[in-house]
C-alpha atoms as a PDB file:
ATOM      1  CA  UNK A   1       3.859 156.437  13.830  1.00  0.00           C
ATOM      2  CA  UNK A   2       6.025 157.607  10.574  1.00  0.00           C
ATOM      3  CA  UNK A   3      10.080 157.154  11.314  1.00  0.00           C
ATOM      4  CA  UNK A   4      10.479 160.459   9.394  1.00  0.00           C
ATOM      5  CA  UNK A   5       8.455 161.977  11.412  1.00  0.00           C
ATOM      6  CA  UNK A   6       9.756 160.475  14.686  1.00  0.00           C
ATOM      7  CA  UNK A   7      13.345 161.660  13.541  1.00  0.00           C
ATOM      8  CA  UNK A   8      12.561 165.382  12.660  1.00  0.00           C
ATOM      9  CA  UNK A   9      10.102 165.901  16.192  1.00  0.00           C
ATOM     10  CA  UNK A  10      13.271 164.335  18.115  1.00  0.00           C
ATOM     11  CA  UNK A  11      15.530 166.962  16.495  1.00  0.00           C
ATOM     12  CA  UNK A  12      13.118 169.568  17.084  1.00  0.00           C
ATOM     13  CA  UNK A  13      12.697 168.523  20.640  1.00  0.00           C
ATOM     14  CA  UNK A  14      16.377 168.915  21.067  1.00  0.00           C
ATOM     15  CA  UNK A  15      15.928 172.444  19.992  1.00  0.00           C
ATOM     16  CA  UNK A  16      13.311 173.238  22.923  1.00  0.00           C
ATOM     17  CA  UNK A  17      10.148 172.283  20.940  1.00  0.00           C
ATOM     18  CA  UNK A  18       7.268 170.302  22.351  1.00  0.00           C
ATOM     19  CA  UNK A  19       6.449 167.908  19.692  1.00  0.00           C
ATOM     20  CA  UNK A  20       2.897 166.043  19.145  1.00  0.00           C
ATOM     21  CA  UNK A  21       2.532 164.289  16.023  1.00  0.00           C
ATOM     22  CA  UNK A  22      -0.741 163.492  13.837  1.00  0.00           C
ATOM     23  CA  UNK A  23      -2.367 166.456  15.929  1.00  0.00           C
ATOM     24  CA  UNK A  24      -6.234 166.924  14.587  1.00  0.00           C
ATOM     25  CA  UNK A  25      -7.437 170.694  13.908  1.00  0.00           C
ATOM     26  CA  UNK A  26     -11.293 170.328  14.440  1.00  0.00           C
ATOM     27  CA  UNK A  27     -12.968 171.963  11.146  1.00  0.00           C
ATOM     28  CA  UNK A  28     -16.222 173.459  11.661  1.00  0.00           C
ATOM     29  CA  UNK A  29     -18.963 173.062   9.139  1.00  0.00           C
ATOM     30  CA  UNK A  30     -18.622 176.404   7.844  1.00  0.00           C
ATOM     31  CA  UNK A  31     -14.653 175.726   7.624  1.00  0.00           C
ATOM     32  CA  UNK A  32     -15.129 172.799   5.392  1.00  0.00           C
ATOM     33  CA  UNK A  33     -17.487 174.573   2.997  1.00  0.00           C
ATOM     34  CA  UNK A  34     -15.053 177.704   2.952  1.00  0.00           C
ATOM     35  CA  UNK A  35     -12.062 175.160   1.622  1.00  0.00           C
ATOM     36  CA  UNK A  36     -14.545 173.388  -0.507  1.00  0.00           C
ATOM     37  CA  UNK A  37     -14.248 169.619   1.444  1.00  0.00           C
ATOM     38  CA  UNK A  38     -17.642 169.346   2.900  1.00  0.00           C
ATOM     39  CA  UNK A  39     -16.934 166.027   3.848  1.00  0.00           C
ATOM     40  CA  UNK A  40     -13.231 166.310   4.950  1.00  0.00           C
ATOM     41  CA  UNK A  41     -12.448 164.789   8.080  1.00  0.00           C
ATOM     42  CA  UNK A  42     -10.404 166.465  11.050  1.00  0.00           C
ATOM     43  CA  UNK A  43      -7.400 168.070   9.628  1.00  0.00           C
ATOM     44  CA  UNK A  44      -4.399 166.158  10.494  1.00  0.00           C
ATOM     45  CA  UNK A  45      -0.693 167.958  10.811  1.00  0.00           C
ATOM     46  CA  UNK A  46       2.077 165.989  10.949  1.00  0.00           C
ATOM     47  CA  UNK A  47       4.006 167.538  13.590  1.00  0.00           C
ATOM     48  CA  UNK A  48       2.760 170.779  15.847  1.00  0.00           C
ATOM     49  CA  UNK A  49       5.995 171.742  17.675  1.00  0.00           C
ATOM     50  CA  UNK A  50       6.042 174.465  20.365  1.00  0.00           C
ATOM     51  CA  UNK A  51       8.674 176.332  22.080  1.00  0.00           C
ATOM     52  CA  UNK A  52       7.381 178.025  25.066  1.00  0.00           C
ATOM     53  CA  UNK A  53      10.533 180.275  25.627  1.00  0.00           C
ATOM     54  CA  UNK A  54      10.269 182.035  21.949  1.00  0.00           C
ATOM     55  CA  UNK A  55       6.428 181.282  21.632  1.00  0.00           C
ATOM     56  CA  UNK A  56       7.212 179.709  18.272  1.00  0.00           C
ATOM     57  CA  UNK A  57       4.668 177.270  16.625  1.00  0.00           C
ATOM     58  CA  UNK A  58       5.464 175.352  13.769  1.00  0.00           C
ATOM     59  CA  UNK A  59       3.318 173.197  11.873  1.00  0.00           C
ATOM     60  CA  UNK A  60       5.618 170.945  10.103  1.00  0.00           C
ATOM     61  CA  UNK A  61       4.468 168.459   7.077  1.00  0.00           C
ATOM     62  CA  UNK A  62       6.823 165.975   6.818  1.00  0.00           C
ATOM     63  CA  UNK A  63       8.077 164.357   3.386  1.00  0.00           C
ATOM     64  CA  UNK A  64      10.890 161.744   3.311  1.00  0.00           C
ATOM     65  CA  UNK A  65      10.937 160.635  -0.053  1.00  0.00           C
ATOM     66  CA  UNK A  66      14.267 159.183   0.062  1.00  0.00           C
ATOM     67  CA  UNK A  67      13.723 156.573  -2.454  1.00  0.00           C
ATOM     68  CA  UNK A  68      12.083 158.768  -4.820  1.00  0.00           C
ATOM     69  CA  UNK A  69      12.741 161.546  -6.753  1.00  0.00           C
ATOM     70  CA  UNK A  70      12.416 164.243  -3.926  1.00  0.00           C
ATOM     71  CA  UNK A  71      10.327 167.100  -3.451  1.00  0.00           C
ATOM     72  CA  UNK A  72       9.758 169.099  -6.426  1.00  0.00           C
ATOM     73  CA  UNK A  73       9.813 172.761  -6.386  1.00  0.00           C
ATOM     74  CA  UNK A  74       7.217 172.917  -9.428  1.00  0.00           C
ATOM     75  CA  UNK A  75       4.747 170.859  -7.292  1.00  0.00           C
ATOM     76  CA  UNK A  76       4.646 173.587  -4.655  1.00  0.00           C
ATOM     77  CA  UNK A  77       5.006 176.577  -6.565  1.00  0.00           C
ATOM     78  CA  UNK A  78       3.531 175.509  -9.900  1.00  0.00           C
ATOM     79  CA  UNK A  79       1.269 172.810  -9.119  1.00  0.00           C
ATOM     80  CA  UNK A  80      -2.861 173.445  -9.407  1.00  0.00           C
ATOM     81  CA  UNK A  81      -4.075 172.632  -5.963  1.00  0.00           C
ATOM     82  CA  UNK A  82      -6.313 169.511  -6.457  1.00  0.00           C
ATOM     83  CA  UNK A  83      -3.122 167.133  -7.842  1.00  0.00           C
ATOM     84  CA  UNK A  84      -1.034 168.748  -4.942  1.00  0.00           C
ATOM     85  CA  UNK A  85       0.650 166.637  -2.148  1.00  0.00           C
ATOM     86  CA  UNK A  86       1.184 169.978  -0.191  1.00  0.00           C
ATOM     87  CA  UNK A  87      -2.242 171.530   0.037  1.00  0.00           C
ATOM     88  CA  UNK A  88      -1.638 173.688   3.029  1.00  0.00           C
ATOM     89  CA  UNK A  89       1.481 175.346   1.097  1.00  0.00           C
ATOM     90  CA  UNK A  90      -0.322 175.532  -2.230  1.00  0.00           C
ATOM     91  CA  UNK A  91      -3.999 176.284  -1.160  1.00  0.00           C
ATOM     92  CA  UNK A  92      -4.104 179.578   0.447  1.00  0.00           C
ATOM     93  CA  UNK A  93      -8.006 179.389   1.646  1.00  0.00           C
ATOM     94  CA  UNK A  94      -7.126 176.125   2.840  1.00  0.00           C
ATOM     95  CA  UNK A  95      -3.945 177.126   4.601  1.00  0.00           C
ATOM     96  CA  UNK A  96      -5.542 180.229   6.382  1.00  0.00           C
ATOM     97  CA  UNK A  97      -8.765 178.054   7.390  1.00  0.00           C
ATOM     98  CA  UNK A  98      -6.590 175.372   9.088  1.00  0.00           C
ATOM     99  CA  UNK A  99      -4.100 177.896  10.635  1.00  0.00           C
ATOM    100  CA  UNK A 100      -6.625 180.015  11.952  1.00  0.00           C
ATOM    101  CA  UNK A 101      -8.839 177.301  13.324  1.00  0.00           C
ATOM    102  CA  UNK A 102      -5.620 175.632  15.055  1.00  0.00           C
ATOM    103  CA  UNK A 103      -4.848 178.779  16.727  1.00  0.00           C
ATOM    104  CA  UNK A 104      -8.000 179.106  18.010  1.00  0.00           C
ATOM    105  CA  UNK A 105      -8.069 175.225  19.137  1.00  0.00           C
ATOM    106  CA  UNK A 106      -4.889 175.420  20.844  1.00  0.00           C
ATOM    107  CA  UNK A 107      -5.606 178.369  22.744  1.00  0.00           C
ATOM    108  CA  UNK A 108      -9.022 177.434  23.973  1.00  0.00           C
ATOM    109  CA  UNK A 109      -7.250 174.358  25.010  1.00  0.00           C
ATOM    110  CA  UNK A 110      -4.693 176.161  27.235  1.00  0.00           C
ATOM    111  CA  UNK A 111      -1.665 175.195  25.199  1.00  0.00           C
ATOM    112  CA  UNK A 112      -0.428 178.658  24.099  1.00  0.00           C
ATOM    113  CA  UNK A 113      -1.239 181.758  24.833  1.00  0.00           C
ATOM    114  CA  UNK A 114      -3.543 183.690  22.424  1.00  0.00           C
ATOM    115  CA  UNK A 115      -1.013 185.718  20.579  1.00  0.00           C
ATOM    116  CA  UNK A 116       0.664 182.977  19.164  1.00  0.00           C
ATOM    117  CA  UNK A 117       0.978 182.476  15.345  1.00  0.00           C
ATOM    118  CA  UNK A 118       1.765 179.614  13.556  1.00  0.00           C
ATOM    119  CA  UNK A 119       4.591 179.039  10.827  1.00  0.00           C
ATOM    120  CA  UNK A 120       4.403 176.590   8.251  1.00  0.00           C
ATOM    121  CA  UNK A 121       7.519 174.359   7.675  1.00  0.00           C
ATOM    122  CA  UNK A 122       8.301 171.570   5.318  1.00  0.00           C
ATOM    123  CA  UNK A 123      10.869 168.886   6.626  1.00  0.00           C
ATOM    124  CA  UNK A 124      11.951 166.886   3.548  1.00  0.00           C
ATOM    125  CA  UNK A 125      14.430 163.894   3.436  1.00  0.00           C
ATOM    126  CA  UNK A 126      15.322 164.320  -0.099  1.00  0.00           C
ATOM    127  CA  UNK A 127      14.826 167.661  -2.589  1.00  0.00           C
ATOM    128  CA  UNK A 128      14.669 166.740  -6.217  1.00  0.00           C
ATOM    129  CA  UNK A 129      18.002 167.601  -8.245  1.00  0.00           C
ATOM    130  CA  UNK A 130      18.761 171.060  -8.111  1.00  0.00           C
ATOM    131  CA  UNK A 131      15.362 172.536  -7.052  1.00  0.00           C
ATOM    132  CA  UNK A 132      16.635 173.297  -3.636  1.00  0.00           C
ATOM    133  CA  UNK A 133      17.789 176.917  -4.511  1.00  0.00           C
ATOM    134  CA  UNK A 134      14.352 177.628  -5.940  1.00  0.00           C
ATOM    135  CA  UNK A 135      12.526 176.170  -3.071  1.00  0.00           C
ATOM    136  CA  UNK A 136      14.196 177.811  -0.410  1.00  0.00           C
ATOM    137  CA  UNK A 137      13.726 181.109  -2.381  1.00  0.00           C
ATOM    138  CA  UNK A 138      10.032 180.466  -2.621  1.00  0.00           C
ATOM    139  CA  UNK A 139      10.098 179.481   1.206  1.00  0.00           C
ATOM    140  CA  UNK A 140      11.658 182.723   2.225  1.00  0.00           C
ATOM    141  CA  UNK A 141       9.323 184.825   0.444  1.00  0.00           C
ATOM    142  CA  UNK A 142       6.349 183.257   2.230  1.00  0.00           C
ATOM    143  CA  UNK A 143       7.551 182.954   5.410  1.00  0.00           C
ATOM    144  CA  UNK A 144       8.054 179.461   5.718  1.00  0.00           C
ATOM    145  CA  UNK A 145      10.576 176.876   6.944  1.00  0.00           C
ATOM    146  CA  UNK A 146      12.410 174.647   5.425  1.00  0.00           C
ATOM    147  CA  UNK A 147      14.218 171.550   6.842  1.00  0.00           C
ATOM    148  CA  UNK A 148      15.873 169.945   4.155  1.00  0.00           C
ATOM    149  CA  UNK A 149      18.801 167.349   3.916  1.00  0.00           C
ATOM    150  CA  UNK A 150      21.250 169.702   4.920  1.00  0.00           C
ATOM    151  CA  UNK A 151      19.561 170.582   8.117  1.00  0.00           C
ATOM    152  CA  UNK A 152      18.969 167.024   9.013  1.00  0.00           C
ATOM    153  CA  UNK A 153      22.591 165.935   8.447  1.00  0.00           C
ATOM    154  CA  UNK A 154      24.070 168.852  10.569  1.00  0.00           C
ATOM    155  CA  UNK A 155      21.467 168.082  12.975  1.00  0.00           C
ATOM    156  CA  UNK A 156      22.001 164.609  13.336  1.00  0.00           C
ATOM    157  CA  UNK A 157      25.799 164.826  13.152  1.00  0.00           C
ATOM    158  CA  UNK A 158      25.303 167.090  16.480  1.00  0.00           C
ATOM    159  CA  UNK A 159      23.270 164.628  18.212  1.00  0.00           C
ATOM    160  CA  UNK A 160      25.878 161.969  17.843  1.00  0.00           C
ATOM    161  CA  UNK A 161      28.495 163.685  19.625  1.00  0.00           C
ATOM    162  CA  UNK A 162      26.098 164.234  22.811  1.00  0.00           C
ATOM    163  CA  UNK A 163      25.321 161.609  25.387  1.00  0.00           C
ATOM    164  CA  UNK A 164      23.029 158.909  24.810  1.00  0.00           C
ATOM    165  CA  UNK A 165      19.233 159.238  24.692  1.00  0.00           C
ATOM    166  CA  UNK A 166      16.582 156.496  24.034  1.00  0.00           C
ATOM    167  CA  UNK A 167      15.324 158.113  21.141  1.00  0.00           C
ATOM    168  CA  UNK A 168      15.158 157.487  17.615  1.00  0.00           C
ATOM    169  CA  UNK A 169      16.726 160.701  16.261  1.00  0.00           C
ATOM    170  CA  UNK A 170      19.470 159.798  18.818  1.00  0.00           C
ATOM    171  CA  UNK A 171      20.055 156.415  18.017  1.00  0.00           C
ATOM    172  CA  UNK A 172      20.034 157.086  13.875  1.00  0.00           C
ATOM    173  CA  UNK A 173      22.590 159.911  14.451  1.00  0.00           C
ATOM    174  CA  UNK A 174      24.935 157.342  16.442  1.00  0.00           C
ATOM    175  CA  UNK A 175      24.535 154.539  13.928  1.00  0.00           C
ATOM    176  CA  UNK A 176      25.592 156.947  11.199  1.00  0.00           C
ATOM    177  CA  UNK A 177      28.179 159.090  12.626  1.00  0.00           C
ATOM    178  CA  UNK A 178      29.847 157.511  15.714  1.00  0.00           C
ATOM    179  CA  UNK A 179      32.598 155.679  13.840  1.00  0.00           C
ATOM    180  CA  UNK A 180      32.981 157.753  11.086  1.00  0.00           C
ATOM    181  CA  UNK A 181      36.028 159.928  10.391  1.00  0.00           C
END
């Protein structure tokens, strides 16, 4: 399991979401033809998060990029589909196919009611230089969620002020913030 995914999953769990890491979406042969990936295995979603009280379903792609340049806005907004690391964000046909199949799959398995609509989210440990406003504006236009460093920092600080829980996000928050002014 990816450590960054565990931290994000823990923070979402504390917000009332049930979270699953590495959720596999079963694509049909026709789906694979439609997305031009005939030999594609099951599509894997980093985090699938569901909050029953509000019927929110999040499909979260996690990119820590802590020791790199970070998530670059142009790679999501302008990057050709074939070269993108953010395939669900840049390829509309892929996104619609995977999210449609996901919705059907989780409803048929009894995880959610049929009216639940998945929402795409990106959890980014680092965003390139001054790209945050551009990336945030693009995500807002698309109706997506951007969990960035500010969100992570705020949520971790908040977790550091609560009673101890044996989760990666809580331990990290207490290590970082417990003895800071």
